[in-house]
């Protein structure tokens, strides 16, 4: 059987970032989107969402980064953290 195709709609209403330059927000946001897309394609939908689901609010957690980190690197780290948290939902 060929791979099952699934449409996913992920809407992030607000991404709150503290300590980052305001001018980097678009690049960080774009990197989050790109990396989340890659993670869903390569690793699939977390089991908790395999049959649909919605999360009204989620604390994506935190991570450490260098003040020299590129916005794209920061966005990828955010996406990895969010994807990991989705994998534990709703057992948070």
C-alpha atoms as a PDB file:
ATOM      1  CA  UNK A   1       0.000   0.000   0.000  1.00  0.00           C
ATOM      2  CA  UNK A   2       1.322   3.430  -0.905  1.00  0.00           C
ATOM      3  CA  UNK A   3       2.038   5.935   1.848  1.00  0.00           C
ATOM      4  CA  UNK A   4      -1.045   7.485   3.302  1.00  0.00           C
ATOM      5  CA  UNK A   5      -1.404  11.153   2.516  1.00  0.00           C
ATOM      6  CA  UNK A   6      -2.679  13.421   5.253  1.00  0.00           C
ATOM      7  CA  UNK A   7      -3.456  17.130   5.303  1.00  0.00           C
ATOM      8  CA  UNK A   8      -2.411  18.991   8.413  1.00  0.00           C
ATOM      9  CA  UNK A   9      -3.487  22.483   9.343  1.00  0.00           C
ATOM     10  CA  UNK A  10      -1.351  24.023  12.051  1.00  0.00           C
ATOM     11  CA  UNK A  11      -2.111  27.574  13.057  1.00  0.00           C
ATOM     12  CA  UNK A  12       0.081  29.334  15.577  1.00  0.00           C
ATOM     13  CA  UNK A  13      -1.829  32.386  16.718  1.00  0.00           C
ATOM     14  CA  UNK A  14       0.981  33.861  18.740  1.00  0.00           C
ATOM     15  CA  UNK A  15       4.599  32.974  19.302  1.00  0.00           C
ATOM     16  CA  UNK A  16       5.983  34.786  22.320  1.00  0.00           C
ATOM     17  CA  UNK A  17       9.744  35.233  22.324  1.00  0.00           C
ATOM     18  CA  UNK A  18      11.669  37.037  25.011  1.00  0.00           C
ATOM     19  CA  UNK A  19      15.202  38.325  24.548  1.00  0.00           C
ATOM     20  CA  UNK A  20      15.338  38.338  20.758  1.00  0.00           C
ATOM     21  CA  UNK A  21      15.814  41.318  18.476  1.00  0.00           C
ATOM     22  CA  UNK A  22      12.480  42.580  17.065  1.00  0.00           C
ATOM     23  CA  UNK A  23      14.038  42.679  13.599  1.00  0.00           C
ATOM     24  CA  UNK A  24      14.630  38.914  13.732  1.00  0.00           C
ATOM     25  CA  UNK A  25      11.017  37.908  14.359  1.00  0.00           C
ATOM     26  CA  UNK A  26      10.066  37.290  10.704  1.00  0.00           C
ATOM     27  CA  UNK A  27      13.152  35.143  10.089  1.00  0.00           C
ATOM     28  CA  UNK A  28      12.537  33.205  13.307  1.00  0.00           C
ATOM     29  CA  UNK A  29       8.880  32.674  12.378  1.00  0.00           C
ATOM     30  CA  UNK A  30       9.752  31.529   8.867  1.00  0.00           C
ATOM     31  CA  UNK A  31      12.306  29.091  10.277  1.00  0.00           C
ATOM     32  CA  UNK A  32       9.738  27.704  12.735  1.00  0.00           C
ATOM     33  CA  UNK A  33       7.331  27.068   9.861  1.00  0.00           C
ATOM     34  CA  UNK A  34       9.974  25.469   7.661  1.00  0.00           C
ATOM     35  CA  UNK A  35      11.290  23.187  10.406  1.00  0.00           C
ATOM     36  CA  UNK A  36       7.826  22.140  11.633  1.00  0.00           C
ATOM     37  CA  UNK A  37       6.936  21.207   8.055  1.00  0.00           C
ATOM     38  CA  UNK A  38      10.111  19.140   7.766  1.00  0.00           C
ATOM     39  CA  UNK A  39       9.477  17.408  11.102  1.00  0.00           C
ATOM     40  CA  UNK A  40       5.898  16.471  10.218  1.00  0.00           C
ATOM     41  CA  UNK A  41       6.982  15.152   6.804  1.00  0.00           C
ATOM     42  CA  UNK A  42       9.963  13.174   8.108  1.00  0.00           C
ATOM     43  CA  UNK A  43       8.685  12.008  11.497  1.00  0.00           C
ATOM     44  CA  UNK A  44       4.942  12.050  10.913  1.00  0.00           C
ATOM     45  CA  UNK A  45       2.044  13.198  13.004  1.00  0.00           C
ATOM     46  CA  UNK A  46       2.470  12.631  16.738  1.00  0.00           C
ATOM     47  CA  UNK A  47       0.273   9.690  17.844  1.00  0.00           C
ATOM     48  CA  UNK A  48      -1.971  11.895  19.984  1.00  0.00           C
ATOM     49  CA  UNK A  49      -3.069  13.683  16.792  1.00  0.00           C
ATOM     50  CA  UNK A  50      -3.228  10.767  14.375  1.00  0.00           C
ATOM     51  CA  UNK A  51      -7.035  10.897  14.351  1.00  0.00           C
ATOM     52  CA  UNK A  52      -7.400  14.663  14.559  1.00  0.00           C
ATOM     53  CA  UNK A  53      -7.122  16.941  17.498  1.00  0.00           C
ATOM     54  CA  UNK A  54      -6.805  20.493  18.600  1.00  0.00           C
ATOM     55  CA  UNK A  55      -4.781  22.296  21.204  1.00  0.00           C
ATOM     56  CA  UNK A  56      -6.166  25.597  22.408  1.00  0.00           C
ATOM     57  CA  UNK A  57      -3.012  26.623  24.213  1.00  0.00           C
ATOM     58  CA  UNK A  58       0.363  25.055  24.735  1.00  0.00           C
ATOM     59  CA  UNK A  59       3.455  26.045  26.624  1.00  0.00           C
ATOM     60  CA  UNK A  60       6.199  25.146  24.185  1.00  0.00           C
ATOM     61  CA  UNK A  61       8.772  24.986  26.922  1.00  0.00           C
ATOM     62  CA  UNK A  62      12.132  26.658  26.894  1.00  0.00           C
ATOM     63  CA  UNK A  63      15.636  26.120  25.602  1.00  0.00           C
ATOM     64  CA  UNK A  64      19.000  27.782  25.852  1.00  0.00           C
ATOM     65  CA  UNK A  65      20.622  29.477  22.915  1.00  0.00           C
ATOM     66  CA  UNK A  66      23.550  31.735  22.213  1.00  0.00           C
ATOM     67  CA  UNK A  67      23.066  35.444  21.685  1.00  0.00           C
ATOM     68  CA  UNK A  68      25.045  34.867  18.479  1.00  0.00           C
ATOM     69  CA  UNK A  69      22.663  32.219  17.150  1.00  0.00           C
ATOM     70  CA  UNK A  70      21.206  32.955  13.752  1.00  0.00           C
ATOM     71  CA  UNK A  71      17.423  33.535  13.664  1.00  0.00           C
ATOM     72  CA  UNK A  72      17.079  30.443  11.464  1.00  0.00           C
ATOM     73  CA  UNK A  73      18.817  28.324  14.078  1.00  0.00           C
ATOM     74  CA  UNK A  74      16.604  29.756  16.806  1.00  0.00           C
ATOM     75  CA  UNK A  75      13.468  29.072  14.747  1.00  0.00           C
ATOM     76  CA  UNK A  76      14.535  25.479  14.140  1.00  0.00           C
ATOM     77  CA  UNK A  77      15.133  24.962  17.870  1.00  0.00           C
ATOM     78  CA  UNK A  78      11.686  26.387  18.651  1.00  0.00           C
ATOM     79  CA  UNK A  79      10.083  24.054  16.114  1.00  0.00           C
ATOM     80  CA  UNK A  80      11.881  21.025  17.547  1.00  0.00           C
ATOM     81  CA  UNK A  81      10.708  21.958  21.040  1.00  0.00           C
ATOM     82  CA  UNK A  82       7.095  22.469  19.926  1.00  0.00           C
ATOM     83  CA  UNK A  83       7.061  19.240  17.915  1.00  0.00           C
ATOM     84  CA  UNK A  84       8.429  17.357  20.919  1.00  0.00           C
ATOM     85  CA  UNK A  85       5.740  18.834  23.153  1.00  0.00           C
ATOM     86  CA  UNK A  86       3.042  17.826  20.664  1.00  0.00           C
ATOM     87  CA  UNK A  87       4.303  14.268  20.973  1.00  0.00           C
ATOM     88  CA  UNK A  88       3.443  14.282  24.672  1.00  0.00           C
ATOM     89  CA  UNK A  89       0.078  15.974  24.349  1.00  0.00           C
ATOM     90  CA  UNK A  90      -2.361  15.614  26.100  1.00  0.00           C
ATOM     91  CA  UNK A  91      -0.302  13.938  28.769  1.00  0.00           C
ATOM     92  CA  UNK A  92       1.392  17.206  29.725  1.00  0.00           C
END
